[in-house]
Amino acid sequence: QVQLVESGGGLVQPGGSLRLSCAASGILFEIATMDWYRQAPGKQRELVAQITNNYRLNYADSVKGRFTISRDNAKKTMYLLMNNLKPEDTAVYYCKAEPTYWGQGTQVTVSS
């Protein structure tokens, strides 16, 4: 049974930082392409960042230079370090193991 469990969300002030984690089980994590998506109220889910099994990285233009995706294959865990957070980063953040496995999401709220 595949499980992806996100953690690390919360309320943070503009300019602050958070680190999200995604713990995986039931998949061959070391060969999986892993993604972070987010969905804000009333908007479509969008890809935020991606890391392939050979550590190729892709970022949405809106987060380049502020967010960093990483993975620890030994721990079967993916991370998203989010710096200089803005109110428009407020969303539910989802972990995805391609092609079709999703986590339950973690809420990130950026507000003063």
C-alpha atoms as a PDB file:
ATOM      1  CA  GLN A   1       0.000   0.000   0.000  1.00  0.00           C
ATOM      2  CA  VAL A   2       1.405   3.344  -1.071  1.00  0.00           C
ATOM      3  CA  GLN A   3       1.413   6.109   1.517  1.00  0.00           C
ATOM      4  CA  LEU A   4       2.674   9.667   1.177  1.00  0.00           C
ATOM      5  CA  VAL A   5       2.446  11.729   4.344  1.00  0.00           C
ATOM      6  CA  GLU A   6       3.148  15.461   4.291  1.00  0.00           C
ATOM      7  CA  SER A   7       4.075  17.483   7.347  1.00  0.00           C
ATOM      8  CA  GLY A   8       5.531  20.855   8.232  1.00  0.00           C
ATOM      9  CA  GLY A   9       2.776  23.208   7.158  1.00  0.00           C
ATOM     10  CA  GLY A  10       1.455  26.012   9.306  1.00  0.00           C
ATOM     11  CA  LEU A  11       0.969  29.744   9.704  1.00  0.00           C
ATOM     12  CA  VAL A  12       3.936  31.994   8.965  1.00  0.00           C
ATOM     13  CA  GLN A  13       4.409  35.723   8.491  1.00  0.00           C
ATOM     14  CA  PRO A  14       5.425  37.180   5.130  1.00  0.00           C
ATOM     15  CA  GLY A  15       9.164  36.818   4.662  1.00  0.00           C
ATOM     16  CA  GLY A  16       9.277  33.760   6.879  1.00  0.00           C
ATOM     17  CA  SER A  17      10.307  30.190   6.140  1.00  0.00           C
ATOM     18  CA  LEU A  18       8.869  26.694   6.397  1.00  0.00           C
ATOM     19  CA  ARG A  19      10.161  23.253   5.515  1.00  0.00           C
ATOM     20  CA  LEU A  20       7.699  20.667   4.285  1.00  0.00           C
ATOM     21  CA  SER A  21       8.406  16.948   4.425  1.00  0.00           C
ATOM     22  CA  CYS A  22       6.874  14.046   2.520  1.00  0.00           C
ATOM     23  CA  ALA A  23       7.474  10.588   3.953  1.00  0.00           C
ATOM     24  CA  ALA A  24       6.888   7.757   1.493  1.00  0.00           C
ATOM     25  CA  SER A  25       6.203   4.074   1.929  1.00  0.00           C
ATOM     26  CA  GLY A  26       5.096   1.293  -0.375  1.00  0.00           C
ATOM     27  CA  ILE A  27       7.007   2.605  -3.396  1.00  0.00           C
ATOM     28  CA  LEU A  28      10.508   2.275  -4.790  1.00  0.00           C
ATOM     29  CA  PHE A  29      11.288   5.783  -3.616  1.00  0.00           C
ATOM     30  CA  GLU A  30      14.809   5.891  -5.003  1.00  0.00           C
ATOM     31  CA  ILE A  31      13.595   5.542  -8.608  1.00  0.00           C
ATOM     32  CA  ALA A  32      10.509   7.736  -8.308  1.00  0.00           C
ATOM     33  CA  THR A  33      10.148  11.215  -9.710  1.00  0.00           C
ATOM     34  CA  MET A  34       8.697  13.253  -6.876  1.00  0.00           C
ATOM     35  CA  ASP A  35       6.704  16.476  -7.057  1.00  0.00           C
ATOM     36  CA  TRP A  36       5.303  19.192  -4.840  1.00  0.00           C
ATOM     37  CA  TYR A  37       2.013  20.678  -5.974  1.00  0.00           C
ATOM     38  CA  ARG A  38      -0.171  23.318  -4.389  1.00  0.00           C
ATOM     39  CA  GLN A  39      -3.772  24.398  -4.642  1.00  0.00           C
ATOM     40  CA  ALA A  40      -5.063  27.748  -3.460  1.00  0.00           C
ATOM     41  CA  PRO A  41      -8.777  28.354  -2.854  1.00  0.00           C
ATOM     42  CA  GLY A  42     -10.611  28.758  -6.142  1.00  0.00           C
ATOM     43  CA  LYS A  43      -7.545  27.900  -8.211  1.00  0.00           C
ATOM     44  CA  GLN A  44      -6.290  24.857 -10.056  1.00  0.00           C
ATOM     45  CA  ARG A  45      -3.660  22.633  -8.567  1.00  0.00           C
ATOM     46  CA  GLU A  46      -0.243  23.650  -9.871  1.00  0.00           C
ATOM     47  CA  LEU A  47       3.199  22.100  -9.956  1.00  0.00           C
ATOM     48  CA  VAL A  48       5.589  23.882  -7.607  1.00  0.00           C
ATOM     49  CA  ALA A  49       8.745  21.783  -7.843  1.00  0.00           C
ATOM     50  CA  GLN A  50       9.981  18.443  -9.106  1.00  0.00           C
ATOM     51  CA  ILE A  51      12.983  16.238  -8.399  1.00  0.00           C
ATOM     52  CA  THR A  52      13.793  13.217 -10.545  1.00  0.00           C
ATOM     53  CA  ASN A  53      15.571  10.039  -9.488  1.00  0.00           C
ATOM     54  CA  ASN A  54      18.828  11.478 -10.847  1.00  0.00           C
ATOM     55  CA  TYR A  55      18.286  14.762  -9.005  1.00  0.00           C
ATOM     56  CA  ARG A  56      17.203  16.867 -11.963  1.00  0.00           C
ATOM     57  CA  LEU A  57      15.257  19.830 -10.556  1.00  0.00           C
ATOM     58  CA  ASN A  58      12.392  21.878 -11.953  1.00  0.00           C
ATOM     59  CA  TYR A  59      10.630  24.842 -10.358  1.00  0.00           C
ATOM     60  CA  ALA A  60       7.643  26.984 -11.135  1.00  0.00           C
ATOM     61  CA  ASP A  61       8.720  30.492 -12.104  1.00  0.00           C
ATOM     62  CA  SER A  62       6.831  31.911  -9.131  1.00  0.00           C
ATOM     63  CA  VAL A  63       9.036  30.082  -6.602  1.00  0.00           C
ATOM     64  CA  LYS A  64      12.442  30.082  -8.301  1.00  0.00           C
ATOM     65  CA  GLY A  65      15.113  31.441  -5.997  1.00  0.00           C
ATOM     66  CA  ARG A  66      12.889  31.064  -2.924  1.00  0.00           C
ATOM     67  CA  PHE A  67      12.015  27.351  -2.732  1.00  0.00           C
ATOM     68  CA  THR A  68      14.391  24.379  -2.712  1.00  0.00           C
ATOM     69  CA  ILE A  69      13.316  20.787  -3.311  1.00  0.00           C
ATOM     70  CA  SER A  70      15.437  17.904  -2.065  1.00  0.00           C
ATOM     71  CA  ARG A  71      15.234  14.213  -1.277  1.00  0.00           C
ATOM     72  CA  ASP A  72      16.809  11.693   1.073  1.00  0.00           C
ATOM     73  CA  ASN A  73      16.509   8.249  -0.460  1.00  0.00           C
ATOM     74  CA  ALA A  74      17.751   6.519   2.682  1.00  0.00           C
ATOM     75  CA  LYS A  75      14.868   8.063   4.634  1.00  0.00           C
ATOM     76  CA  LYS A  76      12.408   7.796   1.725  1.00  0.00           C
ATOM     77  CA  THR A  77      11.579  11.433   2.334  1.00  0.00           C
ATOM     78  CA  MET A  78      11.272  14.501   0.118  1.00  0.00           C
ATOM     79  CA  TYR A  79      11.529  18.065   1.348  1.00  0.00           C
ATOM     80  CA  LEU A  80      10.532  21.549   0.265  1.00  0.00           C
ATOM     81  CA  LEU A  81      12.349  24.420   1.916  1.00  0.00           C
ATOM     82  CA  MET A  82      10.356  27.586   1.418  1.00  0.00           C
ATOM     83  CA  ASN A  83      12.034  30.925   2.110  1.00  0.00           C
ATOM     84  CA  ASN A  84      10.814  34.518   1.771  1.00  0.00           C
ATOM     85  CA  LEU A  85       7.217  33.338   1.821  1.00  0.00           C
ATOM     86  CA  LYS A  86       4.555  35.595   0.367  1.00  0.00           C
ATOM     87  CA  PRO A  87       0.789  35.724   0.962  1.00  0.00           C
ATOM     88  CA  GLU A  88       0.283  34.333  -2.539  1.00  0.00           C
ATOM     89  CA  ASP A  89       2.078  31.155  -1.454  1.00  0.00           C
ATOM     90  CA  THR A  90      -0.907  30.344   0.769  1.00  0.00           C
ATOM     91  CA  ALA A  91      -2.287  26.994  -0.370  1.00  0.00           C
ATOM     92  CA  VAL A  92      -2.613  23.327   0.451  1.00  0.00           C
ATOM     93  CA  TYR A  93       0.661  21.678  -0.546  1.00  0.00           C
ATOM     94  CA  TYR A  94       0.586  18.132  -1.877  1.00  0.00           C
ATOM     95  CA  CYS A  95       3.294  15.562  -2.358  1.00  0.00           C
ATOM     96  CA  LYS A  96       3.113  13.389  -5.458  1.00  0.00           C
ATOM     97  CA  ALA A  97       5.020  10.296  -6.513  1.00  0.00           C
ATOM     98  CA  GLU A  98       4.661   9.961 -10.236  1.00  0.00           C
ATOM     99  CA  PRO A  99       2.647   8.858 -11.955  1.00  0.00           C
ATOM    100  CA  THR A 100      -0.415   8.810  -9.725  1.00  0.00           C
ATOM    101  CA  TYR A 101       0.250   8.661  -5.991  1.00  0.00           C
ATOM    102  CA  TRP A 102      -0.767  11.660  -3.879  1.00  0.00           C
ATOM    103  CA  GLY A 103      -0.497  12.654  -0.246  1.00  0.00           C
ATOM    104  CA  GLN A 104      -3.336  14.165   1.745  1.00  0.00           C
ATOM    105  CA  GLY A 105      -1.889  17.685   1.739  1.00  0.00           C
ATOM    106  CA  THR A 106      -0.659  20.146   4.331  1.00  0.00           C
ATOM    107  CA  GLN A 107      -1.916  23.704   4.740  1.00  0.00           C
ATOM    108  CA  VAL A 108       0.497  26.611   4.390  1.00  0.00           C
ATOM    109  CA  THR A 109      -0.829  30.036   5.339  1.00  0.00           C
ATOM    110  CA  VAL A 110       1.263  33.178   4.898  1.00  0.00           C
ATOM    111  CA  SER A 111      -0.282  36.095   6.719  1.00  0.00           C
ATOM    112  CA  SER A 112       0.583  38.873   9.122  1.00  0.00           C
END
